[in-house]
Amino acid sequence: MDGYVYVEVDDKLRKLLDTIFTDEFMQTHTNFDNFEGFQYSSAVITNWKSDHMVYAQLLMDNFVKESTCFSGWEEMVKCAADERFGKSA
């Protein structure tokens, strides 16, 4: 499936996403007050509650471009992790 991303989601990944996407991060860098709002608005792209997320990379990146200051999902995740845990040297 070219252009699609498949991610196995477990409680550990869900907790990590909730940890890095703080309300402060979301309010500073996105059009959302919290990560829950981001997930709700992007629910047409992927099922965030599923054990197996499948989404079109282009659709997710376009959603991120339109609703955040990032050029895509990977950049958003990296920035959130860097802000939360500090950049590695």
PDB file of N, CA and C in Angstrom:
ATOM      1  N   MET A   1       0.844  -1.184   0.000  1.00  0.00           N
ATOM      2  CA  MET A   1       0.000   0.000   0.000  1.00  0.00           C
ATOM      3  C   MET A   1       0.886   1.242   0.000  1.00  0.00           C
ATOM      4  N   ASP A   2       1.280   1.663  -1.183  1.00  0.00           N
ATOM      5  CA  ASP A   2       2.107   2.853  -1.308  1.00  0.00           C
ATOM      6  C   ASP A   2       1.394   4.080  -0.755  1.00  0.00           C
ATOM      7  N   GLY A   3       2.149   4.878  -0.013  1.00  0.00           N
ATOM      8  CA  GLY A   3       1.607   6.118   0.518  1.00  0.00           C
ATOM      9  C   GLY A   3       0.866   5.982   1.823  1.00  0.00           C
ATOM     10  N   TYR A   4       0.733   4.749   2.316  1.00  0.00           N
ATOM     11  CA  TYR A   4       0.041   4.526   3.579  1.00  0.00           C
ATOM     12  C   TYR A   4       1.032   4.116   4.658  1.00  0.00           C
ATOM     13  N   VAL A   5       0.725   4.510   5.877  1.00  0.00           N
ATOM     14  CA  VAL A   5       1.554   4.170   7.024  1.00  0.00           C
ATOM     15  C   VAL A   5       0.753   3.251   7.925  1.00  0.00           C
ATOM     16  N   TYR A   6       1.407   2.213   8.412  1.00  0.00           N
ATOM     17  CA  TYR A   6       0.783   1.250   9.323  1.00  0.00           C
ATOM     18  C   TYR A   6       1.555   1.295  10.633  1.00  0.00           C
ATOM     19  N   VAL A   7       0.852   1.530  11.735  1.00  0.00           N
ATOM     20  CA  VAL A   7       1.491   1.627  13.045  1.00  0.00           C
ATOM     21  C   VAL A   7       0.737   0.751  14.030  1.00  0.00           C
ATOM     22  N   GLU A   8       1.461  -0.151  14.697  1.00  0.00           N
ATOM     23  CA  GLU A   8       0.853  -0.908  15.784  1.00  0.00           C
ATOM     24  C   GLU A   8       0.818   0.001  17.010  1.00  0.00           C
ATOM     25  N   VAL A   9      -0.343   0.103  17.613  1.00  0.00           N
ATOM     26  CA  VAL A   9      -0.531   1.012  18.737  1.00  0.00           C
ATOM     27  C   VAL A   9      -0.837   0.199  19.986  1.00  0.00           C
ATOM     28  N   ASP A  10      -0.038   0.444  21.011  1.00  0.00           N
ATOM     29  CA  ASP A  10      -0.294  -0.189  22.298  1.00  0.00           C
ATOM     30  C   ASP A  10      -0.384   0.900  23.366  1.00  0.00           C
ATOM     31  N   ASP A  11      -0.611   0.504  24.599  1.00  0.00           N
ATOM     32  CA  ASP A  11      -0.755   1.481  25.675  1.00  0.00           C
ATOM     33  C   ASP A  11       0.512   2.319  25.860  1.00  0.00           C
ATOM     34  N   LYS A  12       1.656   1.722  25.609  1.00  0.00           N
ATOM     35  CA  LYS A  12       2.928   2.435  25.749  1.00  0.00           C
ATOM     36  C   LYS A  12       3.012   3.589  24.747  1.00  0.00           C
ATOM     37  N   LEU A  13       2.644   3.349  23.495  1.00  0.00           N
ATOM     38  CA  LEU A  13       2.663   4.404  22.483  1.00  0.00           C
ATOM     39  C   LEU A  13       1.625   5.475  22.797  1.00  0.00           C
ATOM     40  N   ARG A  14       0.446   5.070  23.208  1.00  0.00           N
ATOM     41  CA  ARG A  14      -0.594   6.051  23.558  1.00  0.00           C
ATOM     42  C   ARG A  14      -0.118   6.963  24.686  1.00  0.00           C
ATOM     43  N   LYS A  15       0.527   6.368  25.689  1.00  0.00           N
ATOM     44  CA  LYS A  15       1.030   7.149  26.822  1.00  0.00           C
ATOM     45  C   LYS A  15       2.133   8.103  26.367  1.00  0.00           C
ATOM     46  N   LEU A  16       3.006   7.642  25.458  1.00  0.00           N
ATOM     47  CA  LEU A  16       4.073   8.494  24.945  1.00  0.00           C
ATOM     48  C   LEU A  16       3.491   9.692  24.198  1.00  0.00           C
ATOM     49  N   LEU A  17       2.513   9.455  23.330  1.00  0.00           N
ATOM     50  CA  LEU A  17       1.890  10.558  22.595  1.00  0.00           C
ATOM     51  C   LEU A  17       1.244  11.554  23.546  1.00  0.00           C
ATOM     52  N   ASP A  18       0.557  11.060  24.564  1.00  0.00           N
ATOM     53  CA  ASP A  18      -0.060  11.949  25.554  1.00  0.00           C
ATOM     54  C   ASP A  18       1.000  12.718  26.333  1.00  0.00           C
ATOM     55  N   THR A  19       2.165  12.116  26.537  1.00  0.00           N
ATOM     56  CA  THR A  19       3.252  12.761  27.279  1.00  0.00           C
ATOM     57  C   THR A  19       3.901  13.876  26.467  1.00  0.00           C
ATOM     58  N   ILE A  20       4.146  13.629  25.194  1.00  0.00           N
ATOM     59  CA  ILE A  20       4.849  14.649  24.402  1.00  0.00           C
ATOM     60  C   ILE A  20       3.916  15.749  23.904  1.00  0.00           C
ATOM     61  N   PHE A  21       2.672  15.421  23.653  1.00  0.00           N
ATOM     62  CA  PHE A  21       1.736  16.428  23.154  1.00  0.00           C
ATOM     63  C   PHE A  21       0.977  17.058  24.315  1.00  0.00           C
ATOM     64  N   THR A  22       1.707  17.855  25.087  1.00  0.00           N
ATOM     65  CA  THR A  22       1.117  18.541  26.234  1.00  0.00           C
ATOM     66  C   THR A  22       0.149  19.621  25.753  1.00  0.00           C
ATOM     67  N   ASP A  23      -0.713  20.060  26.636  1.00  0.00           N
ATOM     68  CA  ASP A  23      -1.628  21.151  26.294  1.00  0.00           C
ATOM     69  C   ASP A  23      -0.834  22.388  25.883  1.00  0.00           C
ATOM     70  N   GLU A  24       0.257  22.665  26.584  1.00  0.00           N
ATOM     71  CA  GLU A  24       1.088  23.833  26.266  1.00  0.00           C
ATOM     72  C   GLU A  24       1.664  23.722  24.854  1.00  0.00           C
ATOM     73  N   PHE A  25       2.178  22.546  24.504  1.00  0.00           N
ATOM     74  CA  PHE A  25       2.714  22.332  23.163  1.00  0.00           C
ATOM     75  C   PHE A  25       1.623  22.547  22.122  1.00  0.00           C
ATOM     76  N   MET A  26       0.477  21.947  22.327  1.00  0.00           N
ATOM     77  CA  MET A  26      -0.607  22.041  21.347  1.00  0.00           C
ATOM     78  C   MET A  26      -1.086  23.483  21.193  1.00  0.00           C
ATOM     79  N   GLN A  27      -1.194  24.220  22.289  1.00  0.00           N
ATOM     80  CA  GLN A  27      -1.663  25.601  22.227  1.00  0.00           C
ATOM     81  C   GLN A  27      -0.642  26.516  21.567  1.00  0.00           C
ATOM     82  N   THR A  28       0.638  26.205  21.716  1.00  0.00           N
ATOM     83  CA  THR A  28       1.703  27.018  21.138  1.00  0.00           C
ATOM     84  C   THR A  28       1.890  26.754  19.653  1.00  0.00           C
ATOM     85  N   HIS A  29       1.804  25.489  19.245  1.00  0.00           N
ATOM     86  CA  HIS A  29       2.191  25.111  17.889  1.00  0.00           C
ATOM     87  C   HIS A  29       1.049  24.688  16.965  1.00  0.00           C
ATOM     88  N   THR A  30      -0.169  24.608  17.501  1.00  0.00           N
ATOM     89  CA  THR A  30      -1.277  24.124  16.681  1.00  0.00           C
ATOM     90  C   THR A  30      -2.516  25.003  16.875  1.00  0.00           C
ATOM     91  N   ASN A  31      -3.566  24.682  16.148  1.00  0.00           N
ATOM     92  CA  ASN A  31      -4.850  25.375  16.300  1.00  0.00           C
ATOM     93  C   ASN A  31      -5.736  24.699  17.344  1.00  0.00           C
ATOM     94  N   PHE A  32      -5.158  23.819  18.151  1.00  0.00           N
ATOM     95  CA  PHE A  32      -5.923  23.037  19.120  1.00  0.00           C
ATOM     96  C   PHE A  32      -5.490  23.348  20.549  1.00  0.00           C
ATOM     97  N   ASP A  33      -6.431  23.198  21.481  1.00  0.00           N
ATOM     98  CA  ASP A  33      -6.122  23.407  22.891  1.00  0.00           C
ATOM     99  C   ASP A  33      -5.412  22.216  23.503  1.00  0.00           C
ATOM    100  N   ASN A  34      -5.639  21.030  22.919  1.00  0.00           N
ATOM    101  CA  ASN A  34      -5.037  19.814  23.477  1.00  0.00           C
ATOM    102  C   ASN A  34      -4.953  18.734  22.397  1.00  0.00           C
ATOM    103  N   PHE A  35      -4.250  17.665  22.733  1.00  0.00           N
ATOM    104  CA  PHE A  35      -4.057  16.578  21.774  1.00  0.00           C
ATOM    105  C   PHE A  35      -5.374  15.872  21.466  1.00  0.00           C
ATOM    106  N   GLU A  36      -6.254  15.833  22.425  1.00  0.00           N
ATOM    107  CA  GLU A  36      -7.560  15.209  22.205  1.00  0.00           C
ATOM    108  C   GLU A  36      -8.313  15.920  21.072  1.00  0.00           C
ATOM    109  N   GLY A  37      -8.246  17.238  21.040  1.00  0.00           N
ATOM    110  CA  GLY A  37      -8.885  18.002  19.969  1.00  0.00           C
ATOM    111  C   GLY A  37      -8.267  17.704  18.614  1.00  0.00           C
ATOM    112  N   PHE A  38      -6.949  17.562  18.584  1.00  0.00           N
ATOM    113  CA  PHE A  38      -6.247  17.205  17.355  1.00  0.00           C
ATOM    114  C   PHE A  38      -6.705  15.836  16.874  1.00  0.00           C
ATOM    115  N   GLN A  39      -6.767  14.877  17.779  1.00  0.00           N
ATOM    116  CA  GLN A  39      -7.194  13.519  17.419  1.00  0.00           C
ATOM    117  C   GLN A  39      -8.632  13.528  16.913  1.00  0.00           C
ATOM    118  N   TYR A  40      -9.499  14.246  17.584  1.00  0.00           N
ATOM    119  CA  TYR A  40     -10.899  14.309  17.176  1.00  0.00           C
ATOM    120  C   TYR A  40     -11.029  14.883  15.769  1.00  0.00           C
ATOM    121  N   SER A  41     -10.303  15.970  15.500  1.00  0.00           N
ATOM    122  CA  SER A  41     -10.389  16.621  14.196  1.00  0.00           C
ATOM    123  C   SER A  41      -9.769  15.784  13.082  1.00  0.00           C
ATOM    124  N   SER A  42      -8.793  14.956  13.415  1.00  0.00           N
ATOM    125  CA  SER A  42      -8.147  14.129  12.392  1.00  0.00           C
ATOM    126  C   SER A  42      -8.713  12.716  12.352  1.00  0.00           C
ATOM    127  N   ALA A  43      -9.832  12.495  13.010  1.00  0.00           N
ATOM    128  CA  ALA A  43     -10.435  11.157  13.054  1.00  0.00           C
ATOM    129  C   ALA A  43     -10.893  10.680  11.674  1.00  0.00           C
ATOM    130  N   VAL A  44     -11.100  11.596  10.745  1.00  0.00           N
ATOM    131  CA  VAL A  44     -11.461  11.177   9.390  1.00  0.00           C
ATOM    132  C   VAL A  44     -10.250  10.587   8.656  1.00  0.00           C
ATOM    133  N   ILE A  45      -9.047  10.848   9.174  1.00  0.00           N
ATOM    134  CA  ILE A  45      -7.820  10.355   8.560  1.00  0.00           C
ATOM    135  C   ILE A  45      -7.409   9.006   9.138  1.00  0.00           C
ATOM    136  N   THR A  46      -7.590   8.840  10.432  1.00  0.00           N
ATOM    137  CA  THR A  46      -7.203   7.591  11.085  1.00  0.00           C
ATOM    138  C   THR A  46      -8.031   7.365  12.339  1.00  0.00           C
ATOM    139  N   ASN A  47      -8.090   6.123  12.777  1.00  0.00           N
ATOM    140  CA  ASN A  47      -8.771   5.765  14.012  1.00  0.00           C
ATOM    141  C   ASN A  47      -7.727   5.718  15.124  1.00  0.00           C
ATOM    142  N   TRP A  48      -7.687   6.763  15.932  1.00  0.00           N
ATOM    143  CA  TRP A  48      -6.689   6.883  16.994  1.00  0.00           C
ATOM    144  C   TRP A  48      -6.865   5.853  18.091  1.00  0.00           C
ATOM    145  N   LYS A  49      -8.036   5.258  18.201  1.00  0.00           N
ATOM    146  CA  LYS A  49      -8.298   4.290  19.280  1.00  0.00           C
ATOM    147  C   LYS A  49      -8.032   2.854  18.855  1.00  0.00           C
ATOM    148  N   SER A  50      -7.720   2.660  17.603  1.00  0.00           N
ATOM    149  CA  SER A  50      -7.472   1.326  17.071  1.00  0.00           C
ATOM    150  C   SER A  50      -6.127   0.785  17.551  1.00  0.00           C
ATOM    151  N   ASP A  51      -6.008  -0.532  17.570  1.00  0.00           N
ATOM    152  CA  ASP A  51      -4.726  -1.169  17.897  1.00  0.00           C
ATOM    153  C   ASP A  51      -3.782  -1.142  16.700  1.00  0.00           C
ATOM    154  N   HIS A  52      -4.326  -0.837  15.528  1.00  0.00           N
ATOM    155  CA  HIS A  52      -3.542  -0.763  14.301  1.00  0.00           C
ATOM    156  C   HIS A  52      -3.984   0.476  13.527  1.00  0.00           C
ATOM    157  N   MET A  53      -3.184   1.523  13.591  1.00  0.00           N
ATOM    158  CA  MET A  53      -3.504   2.738  12.853  1.00  0.00           C
ATOM    159  C   MET A  53      -2.982   2.617  11.425  1.00  0.00           C
ATOM    160  N   VAL A  54      -3.819   2.943  10.479  1.00  0.00           N
ATOM    161  CA  VAL A  54      -3.432   3.006   9.077  1.00  0.00           C
ATOM    162  C   VAL A  54      -3.904   4.360   8.573  1.00  0.00           C
ATOM    163  N   TYR A  55      -2.973   5.090   7.966  1.00  0.00           N
ATOM    164  CA  TYR A  55      -3.374   6.388   7.428  1.00  0.00           C
ATOM    165  C   TYR A  55      -2.548   6.727   6.190  1.00  0.00           C
ATOM    166  N   ALA A  56      -3.106   7.564   5.352  1.00  0.00           N
ATOM    167  CA  ALA A  56      -2.414   8.044   4.168  1.00  0.00           C
ATOM    168  C   ALA A  56      -1.454   9.154   4.607  1.00  0.00           C
ATOM    169  N   GLN A  57      -0.180   8.952   4.333  1.00  0.00           N
ATOM    170  CA  GLN A  57       0.849   9.921   4.740  1.00  0.00           C
ATOM    171  C   GLN A  57       0.538  11.319   4.219  1.00  0.00           C
ATOM    172  N   LEU A  58       0.143  11.418   2.949  1.00  0.00           N
ATOM    173  CA  LEU A  58      -0.147  12.720   2.353  1.00  0.00           C
ATOM    174  C   LEU A  58      -1.309  13.422   3.059  1.00  0.00           C
ATOM    175  N   LEU A  59      -2.376  12.687   3.362  1.00  0.00           N
ATOM    176  CA  LEU A  59      -3.514  13.293   4.057  1.00  0.00           C
ATOM    177  C   LEU A  59      -3.129  13.774   5.447  1.00  0.00           C
ATOM    178  N   MET A  60      -2.382  12.952   6.192  1.00  0.00           N
ATOM    179  CA  MET A  60      -1.972  13.333   7.546  1.00  0.00           C
ATOM    180  C   MET A  60      -1.065  14.555   7.487  1.00  0.00           C
ATOM    181  N   ASP A  61      -0.098  14.536   6.577  1.00  0.00           N
ATOM    182  CA  ASP A  61       0.816  15.679   6.469  1.00  0.00           C
ATOM    183  C   ASP A  61       0.070  16.952   6.076  1.00  0.00           C
ATOM    184  N   ASN A  62      -0.876  16.835   5.170  1.00  0.00           N
ATOM    185  CA  ASN A  62      -1.657  18.016   4.777  1.00  0.00           C
ATOM    186  C   ASN A  62      -2.493  18.539   5.938  1.00  0.00           C
ATOM    187  N   PHE A  63      -3.072  17.648   6.716  1.00  0.00           N
ATOM    188  CA  PHE A  63      -3.835  18.071   7.897  1.00  0.00           C
ATOM    189  C   PHE A  63      -2.921  18.810   8.872  1.00  0.00           C
ATOM    190  N   VAL A  64      -1.735  18.259   9.102  1.00  0.00           N
ATOM    191  CA  VAL A  64      -0.780  18.889  10.011  1.00  0.00           C
ATOM    192  C   VAL A  64      -0.366  20.256   9.466  1.00  0.00           C
ATOM    193  N   LYS A  65      -0.091  20.352   8.171  1.00  0.00           N
ATOM    194  CA  LYS A  65       0.287  21.633   7.558  1.00  0.00           C
ATOM    195  C   LYS A  65      -0.794  22.688   7.753  1.00  0.00           C
ATOM    196  N   GLU A  66      -2.053  22.279   7.610  1.00  0.00           N
ATOM    197  CA  GLU A  66      -3.171  23.224   7.692  1.00  0.00           C
ATOM    198  C   GLU A  66      -3.504  23.641   9.120  1.00  0.00           C
ATOM    199  N   SER A  67      -3.171  22.799  10.094  1.00  0.00           N
ATOM    200  CA  SER A  67      -3.635  23.078  11.453  1.00  0.00           C
ATOM    201  C   SER A  67      -2.512  23.276  12.471  1.00  0.00           C
ATOM    202  N   THR A  68      -1.264  23.284  11.996  1.00  0.00           N
ATOM    203  CA  THR A  68      -0.127  23.475  12.894  1.00  0.00           C
ATOM    204  C   THR A  68       0.927  24.323  12.181  1.00  0.00           C
ATOM    205  N   CYS A  69       2.031  24.546  12.869  1.00  0.00           N
ATOM    206  CA  CYS A  69       3.148  25.272  12.237  1.00  0.00           C
ATOM    207  C   CYS A  69       4.168  24.307  11.647  1.00  0.00           C
ATOM    208  N   PHE A  70       3.818  23.039  11.506  1.00  0.00           N
ATOM    209  CA  PHE A  70       4.741  22.019  11.011  1.00  0.00           C
ATOM    210  C   PHE A  70       4.410  21.632   9.574  1.00  0.00           C
ATOM    211  N   SER A  71       5.436  21.092   8.899  1.00  0.00           N
ATOM    212  CA  SER A  71       5.246  20.692   7.503  1.00  0.00           C
ATOM    213  C   SER A  71       4.695  19.274   7.384  1.00  0.00           C
ATOM    214  N   GLY A  72       4.676  18.522   8.483  1.00  0.00           N
ATOM    215  CA  GLY A  72       4.149  17.163   8.448  1.00  0.00           C
ATOM    216  C   GLY A  72       4.136  16.519   9.818  1.00  0.00           C
ATOM    217  N   TRP A  73       3.526  15.343   9.871  1.00  0.00           N
ATOM    218  CA  TRP A  73       3.346  14.603  11.120  1.00  0.00           C
ATOM    219  C   TRP A  73       4.681  14.256  11.783  1.00  0.00           C
ATOM    220  N   GLU A  74       5.639  13.762  11.009  1.00  0.00           N
ATOM    221  CA  GLU A  74       6.929  13.372  11.588  1.00  0.00           C
ATOM    222  C   GLU A  74       7.641  14.558  12.227  1.00  0.00           C
ATOM    223  N   GLU A  75       7.593  15.711  11.578  1.00  0.00           N
ATOM    224  CA  GLU A  75       8.215  16.911  12.140  1.00  0.00           C
ATOM    225  C   GLU A  75       7.522  17.310  13.452  1.00  0.00           C
ATOM    226  N   MET A  76       6.206  17.198  13.483  1.00  0.00           N
ATOM    227  CA  MET A  76       5.452  17.542  14.687  1.00  0.00           C
ATOM    228  C   MET A  76       5.824  16.624  15.850  1.00  0.00           C
ATOM    229  N   VAL A  77       5.900  15.325  15.576  1.00  0.00           N
ATOM    230  CA  VAL A  77       6.256  14.358  16.623  1.00  0.00           C
ATOM    231  C   VAL A  77       7.665  14.628  17.127  1.00  0.00           C
ATOM    232  N   LYS A  78       8.598  14.851  16.213  1.00  0.00           N
ATOM    233  CA  LYS A  78       9.992  15.094  16.600  1.00  0.00           C
ATOM    234  C   LYS A  78      10.118  16.339  17.458  1.00  0.00           C
ATOM    235  N   CYS A  79       9.456  17.416  17.064  1.00  0.00           N
ATOM    236  CA  CYS A  79       9.517  18.665  17.822  1.00  0.00           C
ATOM    237  C   CYS A  79       8.920  18.480  19.219  1.00  0.00           C
ATOM    238  N   ALA A  80       7.792  17.798  19.301  1.00  0.00           N
ATOM    239  CA  ALA A  80       7.152  17.567  20.602  1.00  0.00           C
ATOM    240  C   ALA A  80       8.058  16.747  21.507  1.00  0.00           C
ATOM    241  N   ALA A  81       8.689  15.714  20.958  1.00  0.00           N
ATOM    242  CA  ALA A  81       9.599  14.880  21.753  1.00  0.00           C
ATOM    243  C   ALA A  81      10.816  15.685  22.190  1.00  0.00           C
ATOM    244  N   ASP A  82      11.369  16.492  21.276  1.00  0.00           N
ATOM    245  CA  ASP A  82      12.525  17.330  21.625  1.00  0.00           C
ATOM    246  C   ASP A  82      12.183  18.309  22.737  1.00  0.00           C
ATOM    247  N   GLU A  83      11.010  18.935  22.647  1.00  0.00           N
ATOM    248  CA  GLU A  83      10.608  19.896  23.679  1.00  0.00           C
ATOM    249  C   GLU A  83      10.374  19.209  25.012  1.00  0.00           C
ATOM    250  N   ARG A  84       9.804  18.023  24.978  1.00  0.00           N
ATOM    251  CA  ARG A  84       9.469  17.316  26.214  1.00  0.00           C
ATOM    252  C   ARG A  84      10.692  16.700  26.881  1.00  0.00           C
ATOM    253  N   PHE A  85      11.565  16.108  26.071  1.00  0.00           N
ATOM    254  CA  PHE A  85      12.699  15.355  26.627  1.00  0.00           C
ATOM    255  C   PHE A  85      14.048  16.029  26.403  1.00  0.00           C
ATOM    256  N   GLY A  86      14.071  17.130  25.666  1.00  0.00           N
ATOM    257  CA  GLY A  86      15.322  17.813  25.376  1.00  0.00           C
ATOM    258  C   GLY A  86      15.974  17.226  24.146  1.00  0.00           C
ATOM    259  N   LYS A  87      16.604  18.076  23.374  1.00  0.00           N
ATOM    260  CA  LYS A  87      17.271  17.613  22.147  1.00  0.00           C
ATOM    261  C   LYS A  87      18.542  16.866  22.512  1.00  0.00           C
ATOM    262  N   SER A  88      18.805  15.798  21.768  1.00  0.00           N
ATOM    263  CA  SER A  88      20.047  15.059  21.995  1.00  0.00           C
ATOM    264  C   SER A  88      21.155  15.699  21.171  1.00  0.00           C
ATOM    265  N   ALA A  89      22.337  15.630  21.712  1.00  0.00           N
ATOM    266  CA  ALA A  89      23.481  16.261  21.036  1.00  0.00           C
ATOM    267  C   ALA A  89      24.058  15.380  19.975  1.00  0.00           C
TER     268      ALA A  89
END
